[in-house]
Each structure stands twice: as C-alpha cells, then as structure tokens.
Amino acid sequence: MPMLGIHHLGLAVSDLQATAKFFTDGLGWSVAREVPEYPAIFVTNGHAFVTLWQTEDGARRFDRRKNVGLHHFALRVASEAGLDAVFAKAASHPGVRVEFAPEFLRGGPAKHCMIYEPSGIRVEFIWAP
C-alpha cells in the first residue's frame, strides 16, 4: 500500500503551554485543536501536524543516547534565507537551547541546525535544495 507521509507526530511534553507557545509564537504555527481533559494541544503549519501531550509530574527527560525512541524530528524549510530566519526566531524563544546554528550538512549543499524546544525535545530545521 502506498504511504503519503506522516499524518502527525505526537510528542509527550513536560510543559504543554511552553511547548505550544514555541510552535505558535516561535514558529508561527496555529492551534488546530485542544483537548483540555488530557490535556493536549494540536498545532499545525498547514502542512504538518504536531500533537502535544502533557506528561505527568515527575516525568523524566528522554536521553537520545540511552533510550529507544525519538532521537529528533526535522522540519523542512523552503530556502536558505528561511532557515536562517527560522533559526533566529526559534533560538531567541524563551526556554529554547541551541545545539548548533545553521551549518552545511555533510559538506552541503543542504544546511541544517538543531535546537531543543522548551520541554527538551530535539528539533532540526533543514533546507535541502
């Protein structure tokens, strides 16, 4: 059966409101739906959906080198200038930690950067011409 790509990516987050604001205020996405009884917030940029699910108090952060699970996820950017703009906005958002600024991916021409959003999930932004 042919697959069309990922419909949505579900992330368990330690700070639902901070992570939702990272997507909406930091990246310009919009809230598509909220599920207050879970609680959960679903965000979209019109092409992709990310569902954010609040963890319980005391949940431990994921260690990409010691646990099986999400190593990171990558969001494609339309242009090199767009990559620089997204990085600048994301890097200045409260609670974001930068792993590395835009650089060539394995010698180029593609470029990418990596950040950790406020709940600690590793997010890559990539421009791949």
C-alpha atoms as a PDB file:
ATOM      1  CA  MET A   1       0.000   0.000   0.000  1.00  0.00           C
ATOM      2  CA  PRO A   2       1.352   3.430  -0.862  1.00  0.00           C
ATOM      3  CA  MET A   3       2.014   5.775   2.030  1.00  0.00           C
ATOM      4  CA  LEU A   4       1.649   9.518   1.698  1.00  0.00           C
ATOM      5  CA  GLY A   5       3.935  10.543   4.549  1.00  0.00           C
ATOM      6  CA  ILE A   6       3.435  11.261   8.213  1.00  0.00           C
ATOM      7  CA  HIS A   7      -0.043  12.474   9.137  1.00  0.00           C
ATOM      8  CA  HIS A   8       1.032  13.805  12.528  1.00  0.00           C
ATOM      9  CA  LEU A   9       3.772  13.490  15.087  1.00  0.00           C
ATOM     10  CA  GLY A  10       2.723  13.011  18.722  1.00  0.00           C
ATOM     11  CA  LEU A  11       5.068  14.336  21.398  1.00  0.00           C
ATOM     12  CA  ALA A  12       4.846  13.859  25.161  1.00  0.00           C
ATOM     13  CA  VAL A  13       5.981  17.174  26.669  1.00  0.00           C
ATOM     14  CA  SER A  14       6.801  18.304  30.189  1.00  0.00           C
ATOM     15  CA  ASP A  15       5.451  21.858  29.738  1.00  0.00           C
ATOM     16  CA  LEU A  16       2.457  21.857  27.396  1.00  0.00           C
ATOM     17  CA  GLN A  17       1.912  25.614  27.392  1.00  0.00           C
ATOM     18  CA  ALA A  18       5.603  26.481  26.851  1.00  0.00           C
ATOM     19  CA  THR A  19       5.947  23.964  24.015  1.00  0.00           C
ATOM     20  CA  ALA A  20       2.692  25.113  22.383  1.00  0.00           C
ATOM     21  CA  LYS A  21       3.913  28.729  22.558  1.00  0.00           C
ATOM     22  CA  PHE A  22       7.215  27.657  20.972  1.00  0.00           C
ATOM     23  CA  PHE A  23       5.271  26.381  17.952  1.00  0.00           C
ATOM     24  CA  THR A  24       2.739  29.226  17.780  1.00  0.00           C
ATOM     25  CA  ASP A  25       4.744  32.268  18.883  1.00  0.00           C
ATOM     26  CA  GLY A  26       8.209  30.979  17.978  1.00  0.00           C
ATOM     27  CA  LEU A  27       7.467  29.312  14.651  1.00  0.00           C
ATOM     28  CA  GLY A  28       4.185  30.943  13.574  1.00  0.00           C
ATOM     29  CA  TRP A  29       2.101  27.753  13.674  1.00  0.00           C
ATOM     30  CA  SER A  30      -1.539  27.787  14.779  1.00  0.00           C
ATOM     31  CA  VAL A  31      -3.550  25.754  17.257  1.00  0.00           C
ATOM     32  CA  ALA A  32      -5.800  23.307  15.404  1.00  0.00           C
ATOM     33  CA  ARG A  33      -7.410  21.689  18.441  1.00  0.00           C
ATOM     34  CA  GLU A  34      -7.192  21.461  22.201  1.00  0.00           C
ATOM     35  CA  VAL A  35      -8.156  18.545  24.442  1.00  0.00           C
ATOM     36  CA  PRO A  36      -8.300  20.085  27.937  1.00  0.00           C
ATOM     37  CA  GLU A  37      -9.226  16.842  29.713  1.00  0.00           C
ATOM     38  CA  TYR A  38      -5.971  15.103  28.662  1.00  0.00           C
ATOM     39  CA  PRO A  39      -4.530  17.873  28.358  1.00  0.00           C
ATOM     40  CA  ALA A  40      -3.250  18.145  24.803  1.00  0.00           C
ATOM     41  CA  ILE A  41      -2.789  20.825  22.145  1.00  0.00           C
ATOM     42  CA  PHE A  42      -2.520  20.077  18.415  1.00  0.00           C
ATOM     43  CA  VAL A  43      -0.582  22.570  16.277  1.00  0.00           C
ATOM     44  CA  THR A  44      -0.149  22.917  12.514  1.00  0.00           C
ATOM     45  CA  ASN A  45       1.625  24.994   9.916  1.00  0.00           C
ATOM     46  CA  GLY A  46      -0.916  23.992   7.267  1.00  0.00           C
ATOM     47  CA  HIS A  47       1.263  21.124   6.016  1.00  0.00           C
ATOM     48  CA  ALA A  48       2.200  19.184   9.142  1.00  0.00           C
ATOM     49  CA  PHE A  49       0.516  18.469  12.469  1.00  0.00           C
ATOM     50  CA  VAL A  50       2.257  18.007  15.792  1.00  0.00           C
ATOM     51  CA  THR A  51       0.184  16.774  18.705  1.00  0.00           C
ATOM     52  CA  LEU A  52       1.479  17.805  22.114  1.00  0.00           C
ATOM     53  CA  TRP A  53       0.526  15.686  25.116  1.00  0.00           C
ATOM     54  CA  GLN A  54       1.218  16.806  28.696  1.00  0.00           C
ATOM     55  CA  THR A  55       3.189  14.312  30.791  1.00  0.00           C
ATOM     56  CA  GLU A  56       2.519  13.740  34.474  1.00  0.00           C
ATOM     57  CA  ASP A  57       4.566  15.488  37.161  1.00  0.00           C
ATOM     58  CA  GLY A  58       7.928  13.829  37.670  1.00  0.00           C
ATOM     59  CA  ALA A  59       8.258  12.532  34.103  1.00  0.00           C
ATOM     60  CA  ARG A  60      11.927  12.095  33.172  1.00  0.00           C
ATOM     61  CA  ARG A  61      13.511  13.685  30.117  1.00  0.00           C
ATOM     62  CA  PHE A  62      14.407  11.432  27.209  1.00  0.00           C
ATOM     63  CA  ASP A  63      18.087  10.697  26.587  1.00  0.00           C
ATOM     64  CA  ARG A  64      18.621  10.062  22.864  1.00  0.00           C
ATOM     65  CA  ARG A  65      21.780   8.051  23.549  1.00  0.00           C
ATOM     66  CA  LYS A  66      20.349   5.802  26.281  1.00  0.00           C
ATOM     67  CA  ASN A  67      16.695   5.245  25.311  1.00  0.00           C
ATOM     68  CA  VAL A  68      14.892   3.789  22.341  1.00  0.00           C
ATOM     69  CA  GLY A  69      12.543   6.422  20.948  1.00  0.00           C
ATOM     70  CA  LEU A  70      12.526   9.789  19.240  1.00  0.00           C
ATOM     71  CA  HIS A  71      16.093  10.925  18.521  1.00  0.00           C
ATOM     72  CA  HIS A  72      14.843  14.174  16.949  1.00  0.00           C
ATOM     73  CA  PHE A  73      12.443  15.347  14.294  1.00  0.00           C
ATOM     74  CA  ALA A  74      13.203  17.570  11.335  1.00  0.00           C
ATOM     75  CA  LEU A  75      11.131  20.359   9.822  1.00  0.00           C
ATOM     76  CA  ARG A  76      11.948  21.279   6.238  1.00  0.00           C
ATOM     77  CA  VAL A  77      12.423  24.963   5.390  1.00  0.00           C
ATOM     78  CA  ALA A  78      11.833  26.325   1.873  1.00  0.00           C
ATOM     79  CA  SER A  79      15.034  28.360   1.443  1.00  0.00           C
ATOM     80  CA  GLU A  80      18.461  29.032   2.902  1.00  0.00           C
ATOM     81  CA  ALA A  81      17.315  32.502   3.981  1.00  0.00           C
ATOM     82  CA  GLY A  82      14.255  30.870   5.527  1.00  0.00           C
ATOM     83  CA  LEU A  83      16.485  28.539   7.527  1.00  0.00           C
ATOM     84  CA  ASP A  84      18.431  31.497   8.910  1.00  0.00           C
ATOM     85  CA  ALA A  85      15.187  33.332   9.785  1.00  0.00           C
ATOM     86  CA  VAL A  86      13.593  30.299  11.473  1.00  0.00           C
ATOM     87  CA  PHE A  87      16.756  29.655  13.457  1.00  0.00           C
ATOM     88  CA  ALA A  88      17.000  33.273  14.630  1.00  0.00           C
ATOM     89  CA  LYS A  89      13.372  33.307  15.779  1.00  0.00           C
ATOM     90  CA  ALA A  90      13.461  29.838  17.382  1.00  0.00           C
ATOM     91  CA  ALA A  91      16.815  30.425  19.101  1.00  0.00           C
ATOM     92  CA  SER A  92      15.543  33.597  20.776  1.00  0.00           C
ATOM     93  CA  HIS A  93      12.330  31.974  22.044  1.00  0.00           C
ATOM     94  CA  PRO A  94      12.200  31.562  25.863  1.00  0.00           C
ATOM     95  CA  GLY A  95      13.317  28.148  27.077  1.00  0.00           C
ATOM     96  CA  VAL A  96      14.983  27.108  23.803  1.00  0.00           C
ATOM     97  CA  ARG A  97      18.505  25.678  23.952  1.00  0.00           C
ATOM     98  CA  VAL A  98      20.628  25.776  20.786  1.00  0.00           C
ATOM     99  CA  GLU A  99      22.695  22.699  19.924  1.00  0.00           C
ATOM    100  CA  PHE A 100      24.180  24.245  16.780  1.00  0.00           C
ATOM    101  CA  ALA A 101      23.442  27.127  14.388  1.00  0.00           C
ATOM    102  CA  PRO A 102      22.855  26.644  10.641  1.00  0.00           C
ATOM    103  CA  GLU A 103      25.730  24.759   9.019  1.00  0.00           C
ATOM    104  CA  PHE A 104      26.310  22.569   5.989  1.00  0.00           C
ATOM    105  CA  LEU A 105      25.008  19.030   6.306  1.00  0.00           C
ATOM    106  CA  ARG A 106      27.836  16.639   5.426  1.00  0.00           C
ATOM    107  CA  GLY A 107      29.564  19.202   3.213  1.00  0.00           C
ATOM    108  CA  GLY A 108      26.430  20.691   1.623  1.00  0.00           C
ATOM    109  CA  PRO A 109      24.669  21.966  -0.260  1.00  0.00           C
ATOM    110  CA  ALA A 110      21.958  21.199   2.319  1.00  0.00           C
ATOM    111  CA  LYS A 111      22.131  23.157   5.582  1.00  0.00           C
ATOM    112  CA  HIS A 112      20.601  22.430   8.948  1.00  0.00           C
ATOM    113  CA  CYS A 113      20.560  23.453  12.609  1.00  0.00           C
ATOM    114  CA  MET A 114      19.428  21.810  15.829  1.00  0.00           C
ATOM    115  CA  ILE A 115      17.655  23.173  18.899  1.00  0.00           C
ATOM    116  CA  TYR A 116      15.867  21.818  21.958  1.00  0.00           C
ATOM    117  CA  GLU A 117      12.375  23.236  22.430  1.00  0.00           C
ATOM    118  CA  PRO A 118      11.214  24.241  25.957  1.00  0.00           C
ATOM    119  CA  SER A 119      10.248  20.684  27.004  1.00  0.00           C
ATOM    120  CA  GLY A 120      13.639  19.386  25.826  1.00  0.00           C
ATOM    121  CA  ILE A 121      12.668  17.709  22.542  1.00  0.00           C
ATOM    122  CA  ARG A 122      15.390  17.911  19.902  1.00  0.00           C
ATOM    123  CA  VAL A 123      14.190  19.684  16.728  1.00  0.00           C
ATOM    124  CA  GLU A 124      16.126  20.020  13.488  1.00  0.00           C
ATOM    125  CA  PHE A 125      15.399  22.642  10.826  1.00  0.00           C
ATOM    126  CA  ILE A 126      16.714  21.701   7.384  1.00  0.00           C
ATOM    127  CA  TRP A 127      16.991  23.328   3.970  1.00  0.00           C
ATOM    128  CA  ALA A 128      17.694  20.691   1.326  1.00  0.00           C
ATOM    129  CA  PRO A 129      17.776  22.137  -2.209  1.00  0.00           C
END
